[in-house]
Amino acid sequence: MTEDIEDKYAFPHMHRETEYLDNGTAQHQDTFVSGVTIRDYFAAKGMAVLLSDFLKKEDEGDTNHISKMAYRMADSMLKERAK
C-alpha cells in the first residue's frame, strides 16, 4: 500500500462558522471535520450483518467475537480496496 488508507476518513467535510463584525462584514472560519475512519465505517457495516445473524440464532455467544470479526472484515475490505 502506498498510503495508509485505513487512516483516511469516511465522510470528511468542512464546517464554516460566520461571525458578523460591527462594520457589517462577515468573517468566516473554516474547520475540517474528520468523522470516522474508513476502517471504522467498514467495521460498523460488517457488524450490523454479524449482529443480525447473531440475534436470529438467539445464541448466548460472545459479542466480543463479533467485534473482532467486524474489524477483520474491515481490514480485508481495505486490503482489497488498496489493490
C-alpha atoms as a PDB file:
ATOM      1  CA  MET A   1       0.000   0.000   0.000  1.00  0.00           C
ATOM      2  CA  THR A   2       1.401   3.364  -0.949  1.00  0.00           C
ATOM      3  CA  GLU A   3      -0.804   5.241   1.504  1.00  0.00           C
ATOM      4  CA  ASP A   4      -2.399   4.286   4.791  1.00  0.00           C
ATOM      5  CA  ILE A   5      -5.972   4.074   3.596  1.00  0.00           C
ATOM      6  CA  GLU A   6      -7.259   2.904   6.967  1.00  0.00           C
ATOM      7  CA  ASP A   7      -6.343   6.328   8.385  1.00  0.00           C
ATOM      8  CA  LYS A   8      -8.469   8.109   5.770  1.00  0.00           C
ATOM      9  CA  TYR A   9     -11.849   9.434   6.804  1.00  0.00           C
ATOM     10  CA  ALA A  10     -15.150   8.104   5.513  1.00  0.00           C
ATOM     11  CA  PHE A  11     -17.071  11.398   5.495  1.00  0.00           C
ATOM     12  CA  PRO A  12     -14.725  14.364   5.842  1.00  0.00           C
ATOM     13  CA  HIS A  13     -16.239  17.786   5.369  1.00  0.00           C
ATOM     14  CA  MET A  14     -15.669  21.455   6.044  1.00  0.00           C
ATOM     15  CA  HIS A  15     -17.668  23.305   8.684  1.00  0.00           C
ATOM     16  CA  ARG A  16     -17.956  27.076   8.265  1.00  0.00           C
ATOM     17  CA  GLU A  17     -18.679  29.423  11.123  1.00  0.00           C
ATOM     18  CA  THR A  18     -19.522  33.014  10.268  1.00  0.00           C
ATOM     19  CA  GLU A  19     -19.132  35.974  12.592  1.00  0.00           C
ATOM     20  CA  TYR A  20     -20.543  39.347  11.604  1.00  0.00           C
ATOM     21  CA  LEU A  21     -18.374  42.256  12.657  1.00  0.00           C
ATOM     22  CA  ASP A  22     -19.637  45.640  13.842  1.00  0.00           C
ATOM     23  CA  ASN A  23     -18.911  47.164  10.436  1.00  0.00           C
ATOM     24  CA  GLY A  24     -21.262  44.671   8.772  1.00  0.00           C
ATOM     25  CA  THR A  25     -18.628  42.471   7.165  1.00  0.00           C
ATOM     26  CA  ALA A  26     -18.609  38.719   7.617  1.00  0.00           C
ATOM     27  CA  GLN A  27     -15.597  36.850   8.897  1.00  0.00           C
ATOM     28  CA  HIS A  28     -15.517  33.123   8.086  1.00  0.00           C
ATOM     29  CA  GLN A  29     -13.692  30.379   9.943  1.00  0.00           C
ATOM     30  CA  ASP A  30     -13.480  27.044   8.094  1.00  0.00           C
ATOM     31  CA  THR A  31     -12.765  23.934  10.139  1.00  0.00           C
ATOM     32  CA  PHE A  32     -12.047  20.433   8.815  1.00  0.00           C
ATOM     33  CA  VAL A  33     -14.310  17.845  10.468  1.00  0.00           C
ATOM     34  CA  SER A  34     -12.921  14.355  10.057  1.00  0.00           C
ATOM     35  CA  GLY A  35     -15.632  11.965  11.230  1.00  0.00           C
ATOM     36  CA  VAL A  36     -14.997   8.224  11.414  1.00  0.00           C
ATOM     37  CA  THR A  37     -12.209   6.403   9.604  1.00  0.00           C
ATOM     38  CA  ILE A  38     -12.967   4.247   6.601  1.00  0.00           C
ATOM     39  CA  ARG A  39     -11.918   1.217   8.673  1.00  0.00           C
ATOM     40  CA  ASP A  40     -14.438   2.091  11.384  1.00  0.00           C
ATOM     41  CA  TYR A  41     -17.157   2.639   8.768  1.00  0.00           C
ATOM     42  CA  PHE A  42     -16.492  -0.744   7.130  1.00  0.00           C
ATOM     43  CA  ALA A  43     -16.417  -2.461  10.545  1.00  0.00           C
ATOM     44  CA  ALA A  44     -19.740  -0.894  11.534  1.00  0.00           C
ATOM     45  CA  LYS A  45     -21.362  -2.077   8.308  1.00  0.00           C
ATOM     46  CA  GLY A  46     -19.999  -5.576   8.826  1.00  0.00           C
ATOM     47  CA  MET A  47     -21.055  -5.600  12.465  1.00  0.00           C
ATOM     48  CA  ALA A  48     -24.653  -4.870  11.510  1.00  0.00           C
ATOM     49  CA  VAL A  49     -24.795  -8.055   9.447  1.00  0.00           C
ATOM     50  CA  LEU A  50     -22.971 -10.109  12.056  1.00  0.00           C
ATOM     51  CA  LEU A  51     -25.275  -8.910  14.850  1.00  0.00           C
ATOM     52  CA  SER A  52     -28.336  -9.609  12.730  1.00  0.00           C
ATOM     53  CA  ASP A  53     -27.242 -13.208  12.273  1.00  0.00           C
ATOM     54  CA  PHE A  54     -26.290 -13.462  15.954  1.00  0.00           C
ATOM     55  CA  LEU A  55     -29.701 -12.245  17.129  1.00  0.00           C
ATOM     56  CA  LYS A  56     -31.564 -14.589  14.766  1.00  0.00           C
ATOM     57  CA  LYS A  57     -29.869 -17.557  16.400  1.00  0.00           C
ATOM     58  CA  GLU A  58     -30.752 -16.305  19.893  1.00  0.00           C
ATOM     59  CA  ASP A  59     -27.368 -17.578  20.985  1.00  0.00           C
ATOM     60  CA  GLU A  60     -25.743 -16.515  24.247  1.00  0.00           C
ATOM     61  CA  GLY A  61     -22.383 -16.259  22.476  1.00  0.00           C
ATOM     62  CA  ASP A  62     -19.522 -13.861  22.946  1.00  0.00           C
ATOM     63  CA  THR A  63     -20.237 -10.420  21.466  1.00  0.00           C
ATOM     64  CA  ASN A  64     -16.516  -9.573  21.634  1.00  0.00           C
ATOM     65  CA  HIS A  65     -16.069 -12.188  18.932  1.00  0.00           C
ATOM     66  CA  ILE A  66     -18.484 -10.245  16.708  1.00  0.00           C
ATOM     67  CA  SER A  67     -16.476  -7.040  17.180  1.00  0.00           C
ATOM     68  CA  LYS A  68     -13.240  -8.795  16.270  1.00  0.00           C
ATOM     69  CA  MET A  69     -14.848 -10.377  13.199  1.00  0.00           C
ATOM     70  CA  ALA A  70     -16.206  -6.986  12.080  1.00  0.00           C
ATOM     71  CA  TYR A  71     -12.738  -5.429  12.160  1.00  0.00           C
ATOM     72  CA  ARG A  72     -11.237  -8.449  10.390  1.00  0.00           C
ATOM     73  CA  MET A  73     -13.822  -7.931   7.644  1.00  0.00           C
ATOM     74  CA  ALA A  74     -12.985  -4.214   7.527  1.00  0.00           C
ATOM     75  CA  ASP A  75      -9.246  -4.945   7.252  1.00  0.00           C
ATOM     76  CA  SER A  76      -9.915  -7.388   4.425  1.00  0.00           C
ATOM     77  CA  MET A  77     -12.015  -4.790   2.601  1.00  0.00           C
ATOM     78  CA  LEU A  78      -9.259  -2.196   2.984  1.00  0.00           C
ATOM     79  CA  LYS A  79      -6.698  -4.646   1.632  1.00  0.00           C
ATOM     80  CA  GLU A  80      -8.825  -5.326  -1.460  1.00  0.00           C
ATOM     81  CA  ARG A  81      -9.549  -1.609  -1.892  1.00  0.00           C
ATOM     82  CA  ALA A  82      -5.822  -0.826  -1.951  1.00  0.00           C
ATOM     83  CA  LYS A  83      -5.132  -3.200  -4.877  1.00  0.00           C
END
